[in-house]
Amino acid sequence: MDEVAVPDWNDADLQAICKHMSILAFDLDNTLARSKRPMSEAMAERIAKLTHLVNIAVVTGGKMALVESQVLAMLANKDVRYEALHVMPTSGARYYRWIDGDWRCIYAHNLTDEQRQRATESLERHAREQGIWEEHPWGDRIEDRGSQITFSALGQQAPSHAKEVWDPGNVKKAKLVASVAPDIPDLTVRSGGFTSVDISLSGVDKAYAVRALAEQTHTSVASIAFVGDRMDPGGNDYPAALAGAMALRVQGPEDTLTLCDELISWCSAIR
């Protein structure tokens, strides 16, 4: 598939996006919040306001428990229109909606036990061979998320500052992906966050997520705006842009706050 340009956003772009979007989707780690940390009170206030203006989706490689601790817990005391929220953990392999006062799983595409075993064995073997099997990690190196296996080189609980400097050029992750992929040709192996490699069913990435979201909500991918910090080719948010979503690149949660303020202003004026 041809590459697509993801320009830096400006007022004209945001005005046009607010006129046409039906869903505003956000990546989680380093977009709404720092890795494994709850989003800020300020971010929770913006997301709550946005639910009254447009449907909001959270699309993340993490599992539902992380969305609950990083996002939903922070919205608990806010004025939220929960019916407008769409939660898609493990890159869209699962989909949750708020129904009758609780979060209901609409679908889940889980790996088989045999697929999990092959993925885990291949990740550990190649990580050891390549010298990236950390002897003293911050938490588990490999996590079974049901619909996704995730390798985190420094451990699941590694601090953000350590993750950000581990592989800035994505060389280590790319090498691991290239080594593991031939071992499990029936699955998709891709670069995740700063230190992670994700394995899921074939074709399940953020392109799949926005297509599934469009299908579930009876809208078009072109009417979905997707906000993410890894919107360059090879980044785990970039497939959403390739799928045809309106892509908005941010540099981190502080940048996302500014973007949310702009979107709230434009959407309030237009809608």
Protein backbone atom coordinates (compact mmCIF):
# COMPACT_ATOMS: atom_id res chain seq x y z
CA MET A 1 0.00 0.00 0.00
CA ASP A 2 1.26 3.52 -0.84
CA GLU A 3 2.41 5.75 2.00
CA VAL A 4 0.23 8.66 3.08
CA ALA A 5 1.38 12.03 4.36
CA VAL A 6 0.42 13.01 7.91
CA PRO A 7 0.93 16.80 8.06
CA ASP A 8 1.10 18.79 11.26
CA TRP A 9 -2.41 20.03 12.11
CA ASN A 10 -3.53 23.63 11.89
CA ASP A 11 -6.77 25.57 12.41
CA ALA A 12 -7.98 25.01 8.86
CA ASP A 13 -7.46 21.26 9.20
CA LEU A 14 -9.26 21.12 12.53
CA GLN A 15 -12.22 23.15 11.27
CA ALA A 16 -12.64 20.76 8.32
CA ILE A 17 -12.22 17.70 10.54
CA CYS A 18 -14.87 18.91 12.99
CA LYS A 19 -17.31 19.38 10.12
CA HIS A 20 -16.87 15.85 8.82
CA MET A 21 -15.91 13.54 11.68
CA SER A 22 -18.37 11.18 13.33
CA ILE A 23 -15.82 9.62 15.73
CA LEU A 24 -12.69 11.04 17.37
CA ALA A 25 -10.33 8.17 18.19
CA PHE A 26 -7.29 8.36 20.46
CA ASP A 27 -4.25 6.17 20.98
CA LEU A 28 -3.55 5.77 24.71
CA ASP A 29 0.13 5.50 25.66
CA ASN A 30 2.00 8.78 25.14
CA THR A 31 -1.10 10.28 23.54
CA LEU A 32 -3.74 10.46 26.28
CA ALA A 33 -1.34 9.48 29.08
CA ARG A 34 2.25 8.51 29.73
CA SER A 35 2.91 4.80 29.49
CA LYS A 36 1.09 2.81 32.20
CA ARG A 37 0.13 6.00 34.07
CA PRO A 38 -3.37 7.47 34.52
CA MET A 39 -4.25 10.37 32.28
CA SER A 40 -4.25 13.75 33.98
CA GLU A 41 -7.25 15.49 35.49
CA ALA A 42 -6.95 18.08 32.74
CA MET A 43 -7.10 15.38 30.06
CA ALA A 44 -10.08 13.71 31.75
CA GLU A 45 -11.93 17.04 31.72
CA ARG A 46 -11.28 17.48 27.99
CA ILE A 47 -12.36 13.95 27.11
CA ALA A 48 -15.53 14.35 29.19
CA LYS A 49 -16.37 17.57 27.32
CA LEU A 50 -15.70 15.94 23.97
CA THR A 51 -18.16 13.11 24.67
CA HIS A 52 -20.94 15.71 24.52
CA LEU A 53 -19.76 16.88 21.10
CA VAL A 54 -18.71 13.70 19.26
CA ASN A 55 -18.29 9.96 19.72
CA ILE A 56 -14.94 9.14 21.34
CA ALA A 57 -12.89 5.96 20.87
CA VAL A 58 -9.82 4.76 22.76
CA VAL A 59 -7.76 2.40 20.59
CA THR A 60 -4.72 0.89 22.27
CA GLY A 61 -2.40 -2.08 22.09
CA GLY A 62 -2.91 -2.50 25.85
CA LYS A 63 -5.53 -4.68 27.52
CA MET A 64 -8.87 -3.55 28.93
CA ALA A 65 -7.51 -3.38 32.49
CA LEU A 66 -5.09 -0.64 31.41
CA VAL A 67 -7.86 1.38 29.76
CA GLU A 68 -9.83 1.05 33.00
CA SER A 69 -6.94 2.28 35.18
CA GLN A 70 -5.54 4.92 32.84
CA VAL A 71 -8.73 6.36 31.35
CA LEU A 72 -12.05 5.15 32.73
CA ALA A 73 -11.09 5.56 36.39
CA MET A 74 -10.13 9.17 35.71
CA LEU A 75 -13.52 9.83 34.08
CA ALA A 76 -15.50 8.37 36.99
CA ASN A 77 -16.35 11.73 38.61
CA LYS A 78 -16.70 13.72 35.39
CA ASP A 79 -19.76 14.66 33.35
CA VAL A 80 -19.34 11.95 30.72
CA ARG A 81 -21.77 10.79 28.07
CA TYR A 82 -20.76 7.14 28.36
CA GLU A 83 -22.94 6.10 25.43
CA ALA A 84 -20.53 8.07 23.24
CA LEU A 85 -17.48 6.06 24.35
CA HIS A 86 -15.99 3.17 22.35
CA VAL A 87 -13.12 1.16 23.87
CA MET A 88 -10.90 -1.00 21.65
CA PRO A 89 -8.05 -2.74 23.53
CA THR A 90 -5.36 -4.92 21.92
CA SER A 91 -5.45 -2.84 18.72
CA GLY A 92 -9.11 -3.51 18.08
CA ALA A 93 -9.09 -7.27 18.67
CA ARG A 94 -11.66 -6.49 21.38
CA TYR A 95 -14.46 -3.93 21.41
CA TYR A 96 -16.42 -2.64 24.44
CA ARG A 97 -19.49 -0.40 24.76
CA TRP A 98 -21.33 1.04 27.77
CA ILE A 99 -24.67 -0.81 27.94
CA ASP A 100 -27.16 -0.79 30.81
CA GLY A 101 -24.67 0.77 33.21
CA ASP A 102 -21.71 -1.52 32.54
CA TRP A 103 -18.97 -2.19 29.98
CA ARG A 104 -19.97 -5.03 27.66
CA CYS A 105 -17.62 -6.87 25.32
CA ILE A 106 -19.19 -6.73 21.85
CA TYR A 107 -16.57 -9.00 20.28
CA ALA A 108 -13.22 -10.61 21.14
CA HIS A 109 -10.81 -12.25 18.69
CA ASN A 110 -8.54 -14.31 20.95
CA LEU A 111 -5.43 -16.29 20.09
CA THR A 112 -5.51 -20.06 20.60
CA ASP A 113 -3.38 -21.68 23.31
CA GLU A 114 -1.12 -23.13 20.63
CA GLN A 115 -0.65 -19.72 18.97
CA ARG A 116 0.17 -18.12 22.31
CA GLN A 117 2.79 -20.77 23.04
CA ARG A 118 4.51 -20.44 19.66
CA ALA A 119 4.52 -16.64 19.88
CA THR A 120 5.93 -16.60 23.42
CA GLU A 121 8.65 -19.16 22.67
CA SER A 122 9.77 -17.32 19.53
CA LEU A 123 9.90 -13.93 21.25
CA GLU A 124 12.02 -15.20 24.13
CA ARG A 125 14.40 -17.20 21.94
CA HIS A 126 15.13 -14.36 19.54
CA ALA A 127 15.29 -11.70 22.26
CA ARG A 128 17.93 -13.77 24.05
CA GLU A 129 19.88 -14.32 20.81
CA GLN A 130 19.83 -10.58 20.08
CA GLY A 131 20.90 -9.57 23.58
CA ILE A 132 17.69 -7.71 24.43
CA TRP A 133 16.39 -10.11 27.09
CA GLU A 134 16.75 -7.78 30.08
CA GLU A 135 18.01 -9.64 33.17
CA HIS A 136 16.42 -7.21 35.64
CA PRO A 137 13.22 -5.92 34.00
CA TRP A 138 10.55 -3.71 35.51
CA GLY A 139 7.81 -6.36 35.59
CA ASP A 140 7.00 -9.08 33.05
CA ARG A 141 8.83 -9.09 29.73
CA ILE A 142 6.05 -10.99 27.95
CA GLU A 143 2.35 -10.45 28.65
CA ASP A 144 -0.52 -12.59 27.40
CA ARG A 145 -3.41 -10.23 26.69
CA GLY A 146 -5.70 -12.94 25.35
CA SER A 147 -6.08 -11.44 21.90
CA GLN A 148 -2.45 -10.26 21.80
CA ILE A 149 1.00 -11.30 23.05
CA THR A 150 3.23 -8.33 23.89
CA PHE A 151 6.98 -8.33 24.46
CA SER A 152 8.24 -5.36 26.51
CA ALA A 153 12.03 -5.31 26.43
CA LEU A 154 12.44 -3.47 29.75
CA GLY A 155 9.38 -4.96 31.43
CA GLN A 156 5.73 -3.90 31.52
CA GLN A 157 6.28 -1.36 34.33
CA ALA A 158 9.43 0.32 33.01
CA PRO A 159 9.47 4.10 33.52
CA SER A 160 8.76 6.29 30.51
CA HIS A 161 12.19 7.93 30.48
CA ALA A 162 13.89 4.52 30.21
CA LYS A 163 11.57 3.36 27.43
CA GLU A 164 12.03 6.49 25.35
CA VAL A 165 15.81 6.13 25.10
CA TRP A 166 16.02 2.35 24.67
CA ASP A 167 15.50 2.17 20.89
CA PRO A 168 14.89 5.68 19.47
CA GLY A 169 15.52 4.53 15.89
CA ASN A 170 13.37 1.39 16.21
CA VAL A 171 16.34 -0.72 15.07
CA LYS A 172 16.15 -3.30 17.88
CA LYS A 173 12.42 -3.76 17.55
CA ALA A 174 12.59 -4.04 13.76
CA LYS A 175 15.24 -6.75 14.04
CA LEU A 176 13.14 -8.70 16.55
CA VAL A 177 10.01 -8.39 14.39
CA ALA A 178 11.92 -9.64 11.32
CA SER A 179 13.25 -12.65 13.25
CA VAL A 180 9.99 -13.68 14.92
CA ALA A 181 7.63 -13.23 11.95
CA PRO A 182 8.84 -16.31 9.96
CA ASP A 183 8.27 -18.52 13.02
CA ILE A 184 4.56 -17.66 13.20
CA PRO A 185 3.41 -16.89 9.64
CA ASP A 186 -0.26 -17.24 10.60
CA LEU A 187 0.03 -14.28 12.98
CA THR A 188 0.94 -10.60 12.63
CA VAL A 189 4.14 -9.38 14.34
CA ARG A 190 4.60 -5.61 14.56
CA SER A 191 6.40 -2.88 16.44
CA GLY A 192 4.34 -1.50 19.31
CA GLY A 193 5.34 1.24 21.74
CA PHE A 194 8.85 2.46 22.58
CA THR A 195 10.09 -0.97 23.75
CA SER A 196 7.35 -3.37 22.68
CA VAL A 197 6.58 -5.87 19.95
CA ASP A 198 2.97 -7.04 19.58
CA ILE A 199 1.69 -10.31 18.13
CA SER A 200 -1.97 -10.75 17.17
CA LEU A 201 -4.17 -12.51 14.68
CA SER A 202 -3.23 -11.77 11.10
CA GLY A 203 -4.37 -8.35 9.99
CA VAL A 204 -5.30 -7.03 13.43
CA ASP A 205 -3.73 -3.59 13.81
CA LYS A 206 -5.06 -0.03 14.04
CA ALA A 207 -6.18 -0.16 10.42
CA TYR A 208 -8.32 -3.13 11.38
CA ALA A 209 -9.51 -1.22 14.44
CA VAL A 210 -10.81 1.80 12.51
CA ARG A 211 -12.48 -0.42 9.92
CA ALA A 212 -14.15 -2.47 12.66
CA LEU A 213 -15.18 0.72 14.46
CA ALA A 214 -16.73 2.09 11.27
CA GLU A 215 -18.62 -1.17 10.73
CA GLN A 216 -19.88 -1.35 14.31
CA THR A 217 -21.11 2.26 14.23
CA HIS A 218 -22.46 2.22 10.67
CA THR A 219 -20.21 5.03 9.53
CA SER A 220 -17.18 5.33 7.23
CA VAL A 221 -13.47 5.15 8.03
CA ALA A 222 -13.10 8.53 6.30
CA SER A 223 -15.30 10.10 9.00
CA ILE A 224 -13.03 8.88 11.82
CA ALA A 225 -10.27 11.19 13.08
CA PHE A 226 -7.40 9.32 14.75
CA VAL A 227 -5.00 11.00 17.20
CA GLY A 228 -1.68 9.30 17.89
CA ASP A 229 1.96 9.92 18.76
CA ARG A 230 3.40 7.31 16.37
CA MET A 231 2.03 8.45 13.02
CA ASP A 232 5.19 7.99 10.97
CA PRO A 233 5.64 4.99 8.65
CA GLY A 234 6.46 2.04 10.90
CA GLY A 235 4.68 3.60 13.88
CA ASN A 236 1.82 1.62 15.41
CA ASP A 237 -0.70 4.46 14.85
CA TYR A 238 0.19 4.90 11.17
CA PRO A 239 -2.00 2.00 9.93
CA ALA A 240 -5.07 4.07 10.89
CA ALA A 241 -3.92 6.74 8.44
CA LEU A 242 -3.25 4.13 5.76
CA ALA A 243 -6.80 2.82 6.23
CA GLY A 244 -8.19 6.27 5.40
CA ALA A 245 -8.85 7.84 8.79
CA MET A 246 -8.13 11.55 9.24
CA ALA A 247 -4.76 11.38 11.01
CA LEU A 248 -3.65 13.84 13.69
CA ARG A 249 -0.09 13.51 14.95
CA VAL A 250 0.80 14.60 18.50
CA GLN A 251 4.11 14.64 20.37
CA GLY A 252 2.75 13.57 23.75
CA PRO A 253 -0.08 14.19 26.23
CA GLU A 254 0.69 17.90 26.54
CA ASP A 255 0.30 18.30 22.79
CA THR A 256 -2.92 16.26 22.93
CA LEU A 257 -4.33 18.66 25.54
CA THR A 258 -3.74 21.59 23.19
CA LEU A 259 -5.33 19.67 20.34
CA CYS A 260 -8.37 18.79 22.48
CA ASP A 261 -8.88 22.45 23.40
CA GLU A 262 -8.81 23.37 19.72
CA LEU A 263 -11.23 20.57 18.81
CA ILE A 264 -13.61 21.52 21.62
CA SER A 265 -13.61 25.12 20.40
CA TRP A 266 -14.20 24.25 16.75
CA CYS A 267 -16.76 21.50 17.40
CA SER A 268 -18.70 23.72 19.82
CA ALA A 269 -18.91 26.45 17.18
CA ILE A 270 -19.90 24.12 14.36
CA ARG A 271 -22.27 21.64 16.03
